[in-house]
Amino acid sequence: NGIGFAVLLGLLQFLRIVFRPSDQLLGVDEQGMIHSINQGNGIESISGLMMYRFNSPLTYFNVGYFKKRVLQLVDSAPQRPAWLAVDATVSFTYDDVSVFAVIDELIRELRIKGVKLVLAGRRTELNRWIARNKITINDDDLIIAPDLYFVIRLYQSRQQIKEKHKQQNQCR
């Protein structure tokens, strides 16, 4: 009986973790390394770029929670991010149609809020899965990047280009 009870408790713990996993906002330290943002650890977010990690593979039974958490974090941010980068390495491990349906919804909801979704990691698999699930994407709605470091460089590069265009328009 004791072994059966321990197995049942272990299974319940596993289900709780998968249904409502932990998540983190990510930022960079002084050397530019990506870490979780915790109170007092000196890790800073990049202005305009929210980086997020969901610590479980996305499946039909937790993708609704993922979407809810993403929208909560975007809405509660002190300054609305222009980009939301999701660490896809951990989350996107299965080709699940329900996951991509919710991602499609999330893209539309974030677009209304003026936020671009970026999936970082698993680029080849994500492109293949998106094509197989017939999700239409363009750079205005979704960017798929190789990793979070690439996302940071791309975001900063696009910000510099915007600033340069803005200065050129002011000079005219």
Protein backbone atom coordinates (compact mmCIF):
# COMPACT_ATOMS: atom_id res chain seq x y z
CA ASN A 1 0.00 0.00 0.00
CA GLY A 2 2.80 2.39 0.89
CA ILE A 3 4.55 1.95 -2.46
CA GLY A 4 1.30 2.46 -4.35
CA PHE A 5 0.58 5.61 -2.35
CA ALA A 6 4.10 6.96 -3.03
CA VAL A 7 3.69 6.28 -6.77
CA LEU A 8 0.32 8.05 -6.74
CA LEU A 9 1.80 11.07 -4.94
CA GLY A 10 4.67 11.17 -7.42
CA LEU A 11 2.23 11.06 -10.33
CA LEU A 12 0.12 13.84 -8.82
CA GLN A 13 3.25 15.97 -8.29
CA PHE A 14 4.28 15.36 -11.91
CA LEU A 15 0.83 16.35 -13.20
CA ARG A 16 0.84 19.52 -11.09
CA ILE A 17 4.23 20.51 -12.49
CA VAL A 18 3.17 19.83 -16.09
CA PHE A 19 -0.26 21.51 -15.78
CA ARG A 20 1.07 24.60 -13.94
CA PRO A 21 4.84 24.69 -14.43
CA SER A 22 7.14 27.35 -13.15
CA ASP A 23 8.13 30.13 -15.49
CA GLN A 24 10.62 32.98 -15.51
CA LEU A 25 11.26 36.32 -17.02
CA LEU A 26 14.81 36.51 -18.31
CA GLY A 27 17.29 39.34 -18.51
CA VAL A 28 21.00 39.95 -18.96
CA ASP A 29 23.84 40.53 -16.53
CA GLU A 30 26.72 42.99 -16.96
CA GLN A 31 28.56 40.55 -19.25
CA GLY A 32 25.50 40.07 -21.48
CA MET A 33 24.71 36.56 -20.22
CA ILE A 34 21.04 35.56 -19.97
CA HIS A 35 19.70 34.63 -16.52
CA SER A 36 16.39 34.53 -14.68
CA ILE A 37 15.32 37.84 -13.21
CA ASN A 38 15.00 37.50 -9.43
CA GLN A 39 14.64 40.22 -6.86
CA GLY A 40 18.05 41.61 -6.00
CA ASN A 41 20.14 39.45 -8.33
CA GLY A 42 21.18 42.34 -10.59
CA ILE A 43 19.76 40.83 -13.76
CA GLU A 44 18.09 43.50 -15.87
CA SER A 45 15.51 43.20 -18.60
CA ILE A 46 16.21 44.83 -21.94
CA SER A 47 13.96 47.82 -22.52
CA GLY A 48 11.25 46.89 -25.01
CA LEU A 49 12.17 43.18 -25.05
CA MET A 50 10.54 40.72 -22.68
CA MET A 51 12.20 37.29 -22.58
CA TYR A 52 10.15 34.44 -21.12
CA ARG A 53 10.76 30.79 -20.27
CA PHE A 54 7.92 28.32 -19.63
CA ASN A 55 9.46 25.33 -17.85
CA SER A 56 7.45 22.53 -19.42
CA PRO A 57 6.77 21.15 -22.86
CA LEU A 58 3.61 22.69 -24.28
CA THR A 59 0.73 20.27 -24.73
CA TYR A 60 -3.02 20.53 -25.10
CA PHE A 61 -3.54 20.49 -21.33
CA ASN A 62 -1.17 23.34 -20.39
CA VAL A 63 -1.13 25.60 -23.46
CA GLY A 64 -4.10 27.59 -22.14
CA TYR A 65 -2.15 28.31 -18.96
CA PHE A 66 0.88 29.31 -21.06
CA LYS A 67 -1.23 31.79 -23.04
CA LYS A 68 -2.78 33.18 -19.85
CA ARG A 69 0.65 33.68 -18.23
CA VAL A 70 2.09 35.37 -21.32
CA LEU A 71 -0.80 37.82 -21.54
CA GLN A 72 -0.65 38.49 -17.77
CA LEU A 73 3.06 39.27 -17.95
CA VAL A 74 2.66 41.54 -20.98
CA ASP A 75 -0.26 43.39 -19.39
CA SER A 76 1.46 43.79 -16.02
CA ALA A 77 4.81 44.96 -17.40
CA PRO A 78 5.78 48.47 -16.24
CA GLN A 79 6.38 49.35 -19.89
CA ARG A 80 4.68 47.35 -22.65
CA PRO A 81 7.34 45.39 -24.55
CA ALA A 82 7.63 45.73 -28.32
CA TRP A 83 8.78 42.10 -28.55
CA LEU A 84 8.02 39.05 -26.45
CA ALA A 85 10.69 36.36 -26.91
CA VAL A 86 9.75 32.88 -25.71
CA ASP A 87 12.51 30.35 -25.08
CA ALA A 88 11.13 27.64 -27.37
CA THR A 89 13.85 25.12 -26.54
CA VAL A 90 12.06 23.95 -23.42
CA SER A 91 8.45 24.50 -24.49
CA PHE A 92 8.22 23.37 -28.08
CA THR A 93 9.18 19.72 -28.01
CA TYR A 94 6.06 18.13 -29.56
CA ASP A 95 4.19 18.84 -32.77
CA ASP A 96 0.78 19.39 -31.16
CA VAL A 97 -1.98 20.92 -33.29
CA SER A 98 -3.72 22.40 -30.24
CA VAL A 99 -0.51 24.18 -29.24
CA PHE A 100 -0.15 25.81 -32.64
CA ALA A 101 -3.83 26.81 -32.66
CA VAL A 102 -3.31 28.64 -29.34
CA ILE A 103 -0.04 30.17 -30.60
CA ASP A 104 -1.96 31.47 -33.61
CA GLU A 105 -4.52 33.05 -31.20
CA LEU A 106 -1.70 34.45 -29.07
CA ILE A 107 -0.06 36.05 -32.12
CA ARG A 108 -3.32 37.85 -32.93
CA GLU A 109 -3.89 38.99 -29.34
CA LEU A 110 -0.32 40.25 -29.00
CA ARG A 111 -0.58 42.08 -32.34
CA ILE A 112 -3.59 43.99 -30.98
CA LYS A 113 -1.43 44.99 -28.00
CA GLY A 114 1.40 46.06 -30.33
CA VAL A 115 3.69 43.19 -29.28
CA LYS A 116 5.57 40.95 -31.69
CA LEU A 117 6.00 37.30 -30.72
CA VAL A 118 9.45 35.74 -31.13
CA LEU A 119 10.12 32.03 -30.66
CA ALA A 120 13.78 31.40 -29.90
CA GLY A 121 15.28 27.95 -30.36
CA ARG A 122 14.27 24.84 -32.31
CA ARG A 123 14.13 26.95 -35.46
CA THR A 124 14.16 24.07 -37.95
CA GLU A 125 11.51 22.07 -36.09
CA LEU A 126 9.31 25.12 -35.52
CA ASN A 127 9.40 26.10 -39.20
CA ARG A 128 8.56 22.54 -40.18
CA TRP A 129 5.74 22.31 -37.61
CA ILE A 130 4.30 25.68 -38.59
CA ALA A 131 4.26 24.69 -42.25
CA ARG A 132 2.68 21.30 -41.44
CA ASN A 133 0.00 22.97 -39.28
CA LYS A 134 -0.69 25.54 -42.01
CA ILE A 135 -0.07 28.59 -39.85
CA THR A 136 0.52 31.65 -41.98
CA ILE A 137 3.23 33.84 -40.54
CA ASN A 138 5.20 36.88 -41.54
CA ASP A 139 7.87 38.95 -39.80
CA ASP A 140 5.25 41.44 -38.64
CA ASP A 141 3.55 38.77 -36.52
CA LEU A 142 6.10 36.12 -35.60
CA ILE A 143 9.86 35.77 -35.76
CA ILE A 144 11.54 32.42 -35.34
CA ALA A 145 15.14 32.80 -34.19
CA PRO A 146 17.92 30.33 -33.43
CA ASP A 147 18.35 31.42 -29.79
CA LEU A 148 17.75 34.22 -27.30
CA TYR A 149 21.16 35.79 -27.90
CA PHE A 150 20.28 36.16 -31.58
CA VAL A 151 16.96 37.73 -30.56
CA ILE A 152 18.76 40.31 -28.43
CA ARG A 153 21.10 41.24 -31.29
CA LEU A 154 18.24 41.37 -33.80
CA TYR A 155 16.08 43.51 -31.52
CA GLN A 156 18.89 45.95 -30.76
CA SER A 157 19.80 46.13 -34.44
CA ARG A 158 16.23 46.94 -35.44
CA GLN A 159 16.01 49.54 -32.68
CA GLN A 160 19.18 51.22 -33.99
CA ILE A 161 17.76 51.25 -37.52
CA LYS A 162 14.50 52.80 -36.26
CA GLU A 163 16.44 55.45 -34.35
CA LYS A 164 18.56 56.23 -37.41
CA HIS A 165 15.46 56.62 -39.61
CA LYS A 166 13.86 58.82 -36.96
CA GLN A 167 16.92 61.10 -36.86
CA GLN A 168 17.05 61.29 -40.65
CA ASN A 169 13.38 62.28 -40.81
CA GLN A 170 13.93 65.00 -38.18
CA CYS A 171 16.80 66.46 -40.24
CA ARG A 172 14.60 66.82 -43.31
